[in-house]
PDB file of all heavy atoms in Angstrom:
ATOM      1  N   LEU A   1     116.303  93.038  99.162  1.00  0.00           N
ATOM      2  CA  LEU A   1     114.822  92.914  99.244  1.00  0.00           C
ATOM      3  C   LEU A   1     114.327  92.297 100.556  1.00  0.00           C
ATOM      4  O   LEU A   1     113.167  92.525 100.932  1.00  0.00           O
ATOM      5  CB  LEU A   1     114.422  91.939  98.094  1.00  0.00           C
ATOM      6  CG  LEU A   1     114.636  92.469  96.654  1.00  0.00           C
ATOM      7  CD1 LEU A   1     114.249  91.360  95.647  1.00  0.00           C
ATOM      8  CD2 LEU A   1     113.805  93.756  96.380  1.00  0.00           C
ATOM      9  N   GLY A   2     115.232  91.545 101.258  1.00  0.00           N
ATOM     10  CA  GLY A   2     114.806  90.971 102.514  1.00  0.00           C
ATOM     11  C   GLY A   2     114.277  89.568 102.346  1.00  0.00           C
ATOM     12  O   GLY A   2     113.715  89.003 103.382  1.00  0.00           O
ATOM     13  N   TYR A   3     114.376  89.008 101.194  1.00  0.00           N
ATOM     14  CA  TYR A   3     113.872  87.629 101.043  1.00  0.00           C
ATOM     15  C   TYR A   3     114.535  86.983  99.790  1.00  0.00           C
ATOM     16  O   TYR A   3     115.062  87.703  98.939  1.00  0.00           O
ATOM     17  CB  TYR A   3     112.359  87.535 100.863  1.00  0.00           C
ATOM     18  CG  TYR A   3     111.795  88.230  99.625  1.00  0.00           C
ATOM     19  CD1 TYR A   3     111.643  87.557  98.391  1.00  0.00           C
ATOM     20  CD2 TYR A   3     111.576  89.589  99.613  1.00  0.00           C
ATOM     21  CE1 TYR A   3     111.140  88.224  97.311  1.00  0.00           C
ATOM     22  CE2 TYR A   3     111.063  90.319  98.505  1.00  0.00           C
ATOM     23  CZ  TYR A   3     110.866  89.523  97.376  1.00  0.00           C
ATOM     24  OH  TYR A   3     110.410  90.190  96.217  1.00  0.00           O
ATOM     25  N   SER A   4     114.660  85.666  99.830  1.00  0.00           N
ATOM     26  CA  SER A   4     115.327  84.933  98.723  1.00  0.00           C
ATOM     27  C   SER A   4     114.417  84.751  97.487  1.00  0.00           C
ATOM     28  O   SER A   4     113.208  84.860  97.598  1.00  0.00           O
ATOM     29  CB  SER A   4     115.799  83.555  99.250  1.00  0.00           C
ATOM     30  OG  SER A   4     116.664  83.710 100.310  1.00  0.00           O
ATOM     31  N   LYS A   5     115.028  84.366  96.423  1.00  0.00           N
ATOM     32  CA  LYS A   5     114.309  84.179  95.167  1.00  0.00           C
ATOM     33  C   LYS A   5     113.282  82.989  95.407  1.00  0.00           C
ATOM     34  O   LYS A   5     113.650  82.011  96.060  1.00  0.00           O
ATOM     35  CB  LYS A   5     115.275  83.795  94.038  1.00  0.00           C
ATOM     36  CG  LYS A   5     114.719  83.956  92.647  1.00  0.00           C
ATOM     37  CD  LYS A   5     115.830  83.807  91.623  1.00  0.00           C
ATOM     38  CE  LYS A   5     115.329  84.031  90.211  1.00  0.00           C
ATOM     39  NZ  LYS A   5     116.402  83.938  89.147  1.00  0.00           N
ATOM     40  N   HIS A   6     112.112  83.165  94.814  1.00  0.00           N
ATOM     41  CA  HIS A   6     111.004  82.206  94.882  1.00  0.00           C
ATOM     42  C   HIS A   6     110.281  82.225  96.274  1.00  0.00           C
ATOM     43  O   HIS A   6     109.351  81.461  96.458  1.00  0.00           O
ATOM     44  CB  HIS A   6     111.456  80.794  94.545  1.00  0.00           C
ATOM     45  CG  HIS A   6     112.164  80.716  93.223  1.00  0.00           C
ATOM     46  ND1 HIS A   6     111.623  81.156  92.057  1.00  0.00           N
ATOM     47  CD2 HIS A   6     113.407  80.217  92.916  1.00  0.00           C
ATOM     48  CE1 HIS A   6     112.495  80.984  91.088  1.00  0.00           C
ATOM     49  NE2 HIS A   6     113.626  80.455  91.584  1.00  0.00           N
ATOM     50  N   GLN A   7     110.775  82.985  97.224  1.00  0.00           N
ATOM     51  CA  GLN A   7     110.038  83.118  98.526  1.00  0.00           C
ATOM     52  C   GLN A   7     108.933  84.096  98.383  1.00  0.00           C
ATOM     53  O   GLN A   7     108.940  85.051  97.630  1.00  0.00           O
ATOM     54  CB  GLN A   7     110.981  83.586  99.595  1.00  0.00           C
ATOM     55  CG  GLN A   7     111.841  82.499 100.205  1.00  0.00           C
ATOM     56  CD  GLN A   7     112.580  83.018 101.444  1.00  0.00           C
ATOM     57  OE1 GLN A   7     112.911  84.177 101.570  1.00  0.00           O
ATOM     58  NE2 GLN A   7     112.984  82.135 102.347  1.00  0.00           N
ATOM     59  N   GLN A   8     107.873  83.909  99.162  1.00  0.00           N
ATOM     60  CA  GLN A   8     106.736  84.846  99.191  1.00  0.00           C
ATOM     61  C   GLN A   8     107.145  86.035 100.087  1.00  0.00           C
ATOM     62  O   GLN A   8     107.825  85.945 101.088  1.00  0.00           O
ATOM     63  CB  GLN A   8     105.535  84.157  99.840  1.00  0.00           C
ATOM     64  CG  GLN A   8     104.989  82.983  99.010  1.00  0.00           C
ATOM     65  CD  GLN A   8     104.429  83.491  97.674  1.00  0.00           C
ATOM     66  OE1 GLN A   8     103.762  84.522  97.646  1.00  0.00           O
ATOM     67  NE2 GLN A   8     104.659  82.732  96.573  1.00  0.00           N
ATOM     68  N   SER A   9     106.604  87.226  99.671  1.00  0.00           N
ATOM     69  CA  SER A   9     106.880  88.431 100.419  1.00  0.00           C
ATOM     70  C   SER A   9     105.792  89.453 100.228  1.00  0.00           C
ATOM     71  O   SER A   9     105.183  89.483  99.156  1.00  0.00           O
ATOM     72  CB  SER A   9     108.266  89.007 100.063  1.00  0.00           C
ATOM     73  OG  SER A   9     108.404  90.320 100.642  1.00  0.00           O
ATOM     74  N   SER A  10     105.525  90.219 101.260  1.00  0.00           N
ATOM     75  CA  SER A  10     104.510  91.343 101.168  1.00  0.00           C
ATOM     76  C   SER A  10     105.117  92.657 100.657  1.00  0.00           C
ATOM     77  O   SER A  10     104.485  93.644 100.573  1.00  0.00           O
ATOM     78  CB  SER A  10     103.850  91.504 102.488  1.00  0.00           C
ATOM     79  OG  SER A  10     104.848  91.874 103.526  1.00  0.00           O
ATOM     80  N   SER A  11     106.462  92.613 100.429  1.00  0.00           N
ATOM     81  CA  SER A  11     107.162  93.819 100.014  1.00  0.00           C
ATOM     82  C   SER A  11     106.670  94.333  98.656  1.00  0.00           C
ATOM     83  O   SER A  11     106.258  93.606  97.818  1.00  0.00           O
ATOM     84  CB  SER A  11     108.658  93.592  99.919  1.00  0.00           C
ATOM     85  OG  SER A  11     109.341  94.737  99.330  1.00  0.00           O
ATOM     86  N   THR A  12     106.575  95.659  98.506  1.00  0.00           N
ATOM     87  CA  THR A  12     106.127  96.287  97.237  1.00  0.00           C
ATOM     88  C   THR A  12     107.202  96.202  96.176  1.00  0.00           C
ATOM     89  O   THR A  12     106.930  96.199  95.008  1.00  0.00           O
ATOM     90  CB  THR A  12     105.753  97.726  97.416  1.00  0.00           C
ATOM     91  OG1 THR A  12     106.869  98.426  98.048  1.00  0.00           O
ATOM     92  CG2 THR A  12     104.531  97.887  98.353  1.00  0.00           C
ATOM     93  N   ASN A  13     108.436  96.035  96.640  1.00  0.00           N
ATOM     94  CA  ASN A  13     109.565  95.895  95.716  1.00  0.00           C
ATOM     95  C   ASN A  13     109.841  94.426  95.431  1.00  0.00           C
ATOM     96  O   ASN A  13     109.580  93.540  96.267  1.00  0.00           O
ATOM     97  CB  ASN A  13     110.841  96.591  96.284  1.00  0.00           C
ATOM     98  CG  ASN A  13     111.920  96.808  95.254  1.00  0.00           C
ATOM     99  OD1 ASN A  13     111.650  96.686  94.016  1.00  0.00           O
ATOM    100  ND2 ASN A  13     113.097  97.111  95.639  1.00  0.00           N
ATOM    101  N   ALA A  14     110.303  94.115  94.236  1.00  0.00           N
ATOM    102  CA  ALA A  14     110.541  92.706  93.869  1.00  0.00           C
ATOM    103  C   ALA A  14     111.573  92.622  92.767  1.00  0.00           C
ATOM    104  O   ALA A  14     111.941  93.661  92.218  1.00  0.00           O
ATOM    105  CB  ALA A  14     109.246  92.054  93.415  1.00  0.00           C
ATOM    106  N   ARG A  15     112.042  91.473  92.447  1.00  0.00           N
ATOM    107  CA  ARG A  15     112.961  91.231  91.394  1.00  0.00           C
ATOM    108  C   ARG A  15     112.292  91.629  90.069  1.00  0.00           C
ATOM    109  O   ARG A  15     111.116  91.464  89.869  1.00  0.00           O
ATOM    110  CB  ARG A  15     113.455  89.818  91.302  1.00  0.00           C
ATOM    111  CG  ARG A  15     114.443  89.464  92.390  1.00  0.00           C
ATOM    112  CD  ARG A  15     114.705  87.967  92.460  1.00  0.00           C
ATOM    113  NE  ARG A  15     115.718  87.658  93.514  1.00  0.00           N
ATOM    114  CZ  ARG A  15     115.446  87.727  94.818  1.00  0.00           C
ATOM    115  NH1 ARG A  15     114.228  87.904  95.256  1.00  0.00           N
ATOM    116  NH2 ARG A  15     116.379  87.469  95.676  1.00  0.00           N
ATOM    117  N   ASN A  16     113.180  92.147  89.119  1.00  0.00           N
ATOM    118  CA  ASN A  16     112.605  92.532  87.847  1.00  0.00           C
ATOM    119  C   ASN A  16     113.573  92.102  86.728  1.00  0.00           C
ATOM    120  O   ASN A  16     114.063  92.886  85.912  1.00  0.00           O
ATOM    121  CB  ASN A  16     112.449  94.116  87.832  1.00  0.00           C
ATOM    122  CG  ASN A  16     111.763  94.593  86.616  1.00  0.00           C
ATOM    123  OD1 ASN A  16     110.889  93.899  86.051  1.00  0.00           O
ATOM    124  ND2 ASN A  16     112.059  95.799  86.169  1.00  0.00           N
ATOM    125  N   GLY A  17     113.874  90.800  86.757  1.00  0.00           N
ATOM    126  CA  GLY A  17     114.754  90.291  85.741  1.00  0.00           C
ATOM    127  C   GLY A  17     116.217  90.639  85.921  1.00  0.00           C
ATOM    128  O   GLY A  17     116.686  90.982  87.025  1.00  0.00           O
ATOM    129  N   THR A  18     116.917  90.594  84.849  1.00  0.00           N
ATOM    130  CA  THR A  18     118.393  90.930  84.910  1.00  0.00           C
ATOM    131  C   THR A  18     118.716  91.857  83.672  1.00  0.00           C
ATOM    132  O   THR A  18     117.982  91.904  82.722  1.00  0.00           O
ATOM    133  CB  THR A  18     119.274  89.668  84.873  1.00  0.00           C
ATOM    134  OG1 THR A  18     118.998  88.940  83.614  1.00  0.00           O
ATOM    135  CG2 THR A  18     119.033  88.760  86.060  1.00  0.00           C
ATOM    136  N   SER A  19     119.902  92.440  83.740  1.00  0.00           N
ATOM    137  CA  SER A  19     120.438  93.184  82.581  1.00  0.00           C
ATOM    138  C   SER A  19     121.867  92.704  82.388  1.00  0.00           C
ATOM    139  O   SER A  19     122.627  92.350  83.310  1.00  0.00           O
ATOM    140  CB  SER A  19     120.363  94.644  82.828  1.00  0.00           C
ATOM    141  OG  SER A  19     121.170  94.965  83.992  1.00  0.00           O
ATOM    142  N   SER A  20     122.261  92.659  81.091  1.00  0.00           N
ATOM    143  CA  SER A  20     123.645  92.216  80.780  1.00  0.00           C
ATOM    144  C   SER A  20     124.616  93.376  81.007  1.00  0.00           C
ATOM    145  O   SER A  20     124.294  94.523  80.750  1.00  0.00           O
ATOM    146  CB  SER A  20     123.685  91.809  79.280  1.00  0.00           C
ATOM    147  OG  SER A  20     122.880  90.693  79.080  1.00  0.00           O
ATOM    148  N   LYS A  21     125.777  93.006  81.426  1.00  0.00           N
ATOM    149  CA  LYS A  21     126.840  94.043  81.738  1.00  0.00           C
ATOM    150  C   LYS A  21     128.188  93.400  81.355  1.00  0.00           C
ATOM    151  O   LYS A  21     128.500  92.224  81.741  1.00  0.00           O
ATOM    152  CB  LYS A  21     126.795  94.432  83.173  1.00  0.00           C
ATOM    153  CG  LYS A  21     127.725  95.541  83.468  1.00  0.00           C
ATOM    154  CD  LYS A  21     127.455  96.088  84.887  1.00  0.00           C
ATOM    155  CE  LYS A  21     128.375  97.370  85.157  1.00  0.00           C
ATOM    156  NZ  LYS A  21     127.991  97.981  86.446  1.00  0.00           N
ATOM    157  N   HIS A  22     129.022  94.120  80.648  1.00  0.00           N
ATOM    158  CA  HIS A  22     130.402  93.732  80.335  1.00  0.00           C
ATOM    159  C   HIS A  22     131.310  94.173  81.456  1.00  0.00           C
ATOM    160  O   HIS A  22     131.233  95.356  81.859  1.00  0.00           O
ATOM    161  CB  HIS A  22     130.835  94.274  79.000  1.00  0.00           C
ATOM    162  CG  HIS A  22     130.091  93.704  77.807  1.00  0.00           C
ATOM    163  ND1 HIS A  22     130.464  92.485  77.271  1.00  0.00           N
ATOM    164  CD2 HIS A  22     129.060  94.137  77.120  1.00  0.00           C
ATOM    165  CE1 HIS A  22     129.650  92.250  76.309  1.00  0.00           C
ATOM    166  NE2 HIS A  22     128.772  93.200  76.176  1.00  0.00           N
ATOM    167  N   VAL A  23     132.097  93.236  81.983  1.00  0.00           N
ATOM    168  CA  VAL A  23     132.997  93.630  83.082  1.00  0.00           C
ATOM    169  C   VAL A  23     134.446  93.191  82.701  1.00  0.00           C
ATOM    170  O   VAL A  23     134.647  92.265  81.946  1.00  0.00           O
ATOM    171  CB  VAL A  23     132.618  92.895  84.405  1.00  0.00           C
ATOM    172  CG1 VAL A  23     131.278  93.455  84.890  1.00  0.00           C
ATOM    173  CG2 VAL A  23     132.581  91.443  84.211  1.00  0.00           C
ATOM    174  N   LYS A  24     135.381  93.930  83.256  1.00  0.00           N
ATOM    175  CA  LYS A  24     136.793  93.610  83.066  1.00  0.00           C
ATOM    176  C   LYS A  24     137.286  92.870  84.287  1.00  0.00           C
ATOM    177  O   LYS A  24     137.132  93.312  85.395  1.00  0.00           O
ATOM    178  CB  LYS A  24     137.604  94.924  82.831  1.00  0.00           C
ATOM    179  CG  LYS A  24     137.257  95.724  81.653  1.00  0.00           C
ATOM    180  CD  LYS A  24     137.940  97.034  81.687  1.00  0.00           C
ATOM    181  CE  LYS A  24     137.493  97.892  80.459  1.00  0.00           C
ATOM    182  NZ  LYS A  24     138.055  99.251  80.538  1.00  0.00           N
ATOM    183  N   THR A  25     137.935  91.742  84.053  1.00  0.00           N
ATOM    184  CA  THR A  25     138.482  90.967  85.206  1.00  0.00           C
ATOM    185  C   THR A  25     139.903  90.590  84.862  1.00  0.00           C
ATOM    186  O   THR A  25     140.418  90.856  83.754  1.00  0.00           O
ATOM    187  CB  THR A  25     137.708  89.719  85.392  1.00  0.00           C
ATOM    188  OG1 THR A  25     138.000  88.726  84.311  1.00  0.00           O
ATOM    189  CG2 THR A  25     136.214  89.941  85.440  1.00  0.00           C
ATOM    190  N   GLU A  26     140.582  90.008  85.831  1.00  0.00           N
ATOM    191  CA  GLU A  26     141.948  89.567  85.553  1.00  0.00           C
ATOM    192  C   GLU A  26     142.034  88.440  84.502  1.00  0.00           C
ATOM    193  O   GLU A  26     143.084  88.121  84.019  1.00  0.00           O
ATOM    194  CB  GLU A  26     142.622  89.085  86.910  1.00  0.00           C
ATOM    195  CG  GLU A  26     141.868  87.971  87.574  1.00  0.00           C
ATOM    196  CD  GLU A  26     142.316  87.670  88.959  1.00  0.00           C
ATOM    197  OE1 GLU A  26     143.474  87.252  89.062  1.00  0.00           O
ATOM    198  OE2 GLU A  26     141.531  87.865  89.903  1.00  0.00           O
ATOM    199  N   PHE A  27     140.868  87.839  84.201  1.00  0.00           N
ATOM    200  CA  PHE A  27     140.824  86.810  83.221  1.00  0.00           C
ATOM    201  C   PHE A  27     140.335  87.308  81.872  1.00  0.00           C
ATOM    202  O   PHE A  27     140.027  86.561  80.948  1.00  0.00           O
ATOM    203  CB  PHE A  27     139.915  85.711  83.657  1.00  0.00           C
ATOM    204  CG  PHE A  27     140.297  85.175  85.028  1.00  0.00           C
ATOM    205  CD1 PHE A  27     139.477  85.454  86.182  1.00  0.00           C
ATOM    206  CD2 PHE A  27     141.444  84.441  85.227  1.00  0.00           C
ATOM    207  CE1 PHE A  27     139.821  84.982  87.376  1.00  0.00           C
ATOM    208  CE2 PHE A  27     141.816  83.988  86.502  1.00  0.00           C
ATOM    209  CZ  PHE A  27     141.003  84.309  87.555  1.00  0.00           C
ATOM    210  N   GLY A  28     140.178  88.640  81.682  1.00  0.00           N
ATOM    211  CA  GLY A  28     139.682  89.211  80.448  1.00  0.00           C
ATOM    212  C   GLY A  28     138.262  89.738  80.628  1.00  0.00           C
ATOM    213  O   GLY A  28     137.714  89.787  81.730  1.00  0.00           O
ATOM    214  N   LYS A  29     137.682  90.145  79.491  1.00  0.00           N
ATOM    215  CA  LYS A  29     136.335  90.696  79.537  1.00  0.00           C
ATOM    216  C   LYS A  29     135.285  89.574  79.632  1.00  0.00           C
ATOM    217  O   LYS A  29     135.470  88.566  78.973  1.00  0.00           O
ATOM    218  CB  LYS A  29     136.030  91.554  78.270  1.00  0.00           C
ATOM    219  CG  LYS A  29     136.760  92.880  78.283  1.00  0.00           C
ATOM    220  CD  LYS A  29     136.353  93.725  77.083  1.00  0.00           C
ATOM    221  CE  LYS A  29     137.006  95.155  77.104  1.00  0.00           C
ATOM    222  NZ  LYS A  29     136.669  95.932  75.907  1.00  0.00           N
ATOM    223  N   SER A  30     134.257  89.845  80.407  1.00  0.00           N
ATOM    224  CA  SER A  30     133.126  88.841  80.555  1.00  0.00           C
ATOM    225  C   SER A  30     131.827  89.552  80.466  1.00  0.00           C
ATOM    226  O   SER A  30     131.737  90.819  80.765  1.00  0.00           O
ATOM    227  CB  SER A  30     133.269  88.132  81.950  1.00  0.00           C
ATOM    228  OG  SER A  30     134.457  87.437  82.035  1.00  0.00           O
ATOM    229  N   GLN A  31     130.823  88.800  80.091  1.00  0.00           N
ATOM    230  CA  GLN A  31     129.428  89.374  80.149  1.00  0.00           C
ATOM    231  C   GLN A  31     128.690  88.626  81.264  1.00  0.00           C
ATOM    232  O   GLN A  31     128.603  87.391  81.233  1.00  0.00           O
ATOM    233  CB  GLN A  31     128.733  89.196  78.828  1.00  0.00           C
ATOM    234  CG  GLN A  31     127.292  89.733  78.810  1.00  0.00           C
ATOM    235  CD  GLN A  31     126.722  89.696  77.389  1.00  0.00           C
ATOM    236  OE1 GLN A  31     127.287  90.225  76.460  1.00  0.00           O
ATOM    237  NE2 GLN A  31     125.509  89.100  77.297  1.00  0.00           N
ATOM    238  N   ILE A  32     128.127  89.405  82.240  1.00  0.00           N
ATOM    239  CA  ILE A  32     127.391  88.793  83.310  1.00  0.00           C
ATOM    240  C   ILE A  32     125.948  89.360  83.365  1.00  0.00           C
ATOM    241  O   ILE A  32     125.659  90.382  82.792  1.00  0.00           O
ATOM    242  CB  ILE A  32     128.106  88.996  84.692  1.00  0.00           C
ATOM    243  CG1 ILE A  32     128.132  90.467  85.055  1.00  0.00           C
ATOM    244  CG2 ILE A  32     129.475  88.374  84.638  1.00  0.00           C
ATOM    245  CD1 ILE A  32     128.513  90.701  86.467  1.00  0.00           C
ATOM    246  N   GLN A  33     125.089  88.650  84.082  1.00  0.00           N
ATOM    247  CA  GLN A  33     123.730  89.105  84.275  1.00  0.00           C
ATOM    248  C   GLN A  33     123.614  89.775  85.672  1.00  0.00           C
ATOM    249  O   GLN A  33     123.851  89.153  86.671  1.00  0.00           O
ATOM    250  CB  GLN A  33     122.794  87.920  84.142  1.00  0.00           C
ATOM    251  CG  GLN A  33     122.857  87.228  82.786  1.00  0.00           C
ATOM    252  CD  GLN A  33     122.500  88.218  81.667  1.00  0.00           C
ATOM    253  OE1 GLN A  33     121.491  88.923  81.705  1.00  0.00           O
ATOM    254  NE2 GLN A  33     123.371  88.223  80.693  1.00  0.00           N
ATOM    255  N   VAL A  34     123.185  91.003  85.683  1.00  0.00           N
ATOM    256  CA  VAL A  34     123.035  91.777  86.899  1.00  0.00           C
ATOM    257  C   VAL A  34     121.564  91.845  87.282  1.00  0.00           C
ATOM    258  O   VAL A  34     120.773  92.266  86.455  1.00  0.00           O
ATOM    259  CB  VAL A  34     123.612  93.187  86.833  1.00  0.00           C
ATOM    260  CG1 VAL A  34     123.447  93.948  88.071  1.00  0.00           C
ATOM    261  CG2 VAL A  34     125.100  93.144  86.426  1.00  0.00           C
ATOM    262  N   PRO A  35     121.171  91.380  88.457  1.00  0.00           N
ATOM    263  CA  PRO A  35     119.744  91.397  88.851  1.00  0.00           C
ATOM    264  C   PRO A  35     119.253  92.889  88.968  1.00  0.00           C
ATOM    265  O   PRO A  35     120.004  93.728  89.410  1.00  0.00           O
ATOM    266  CB  PRO A  35     119.713  90.639  90.184  1.00  0.00           C
ATOM    267  CG  PRO A  35     121.106  90.766  90.714  1.00  0.00           C
ATOM    268  CD  PRO A  35     121.958  90.798  89.508  1.00  0.00           C
TER     269      PRO A  35
END
């Protein structure tokens, strides 16, 4: 996006929450939040 979270920006694009995703790791399955 070209700017950090909570910073002001004139960009038309912006963060739109997160979605949950299950991933496989060497420590087993995990659920993480993908922006």
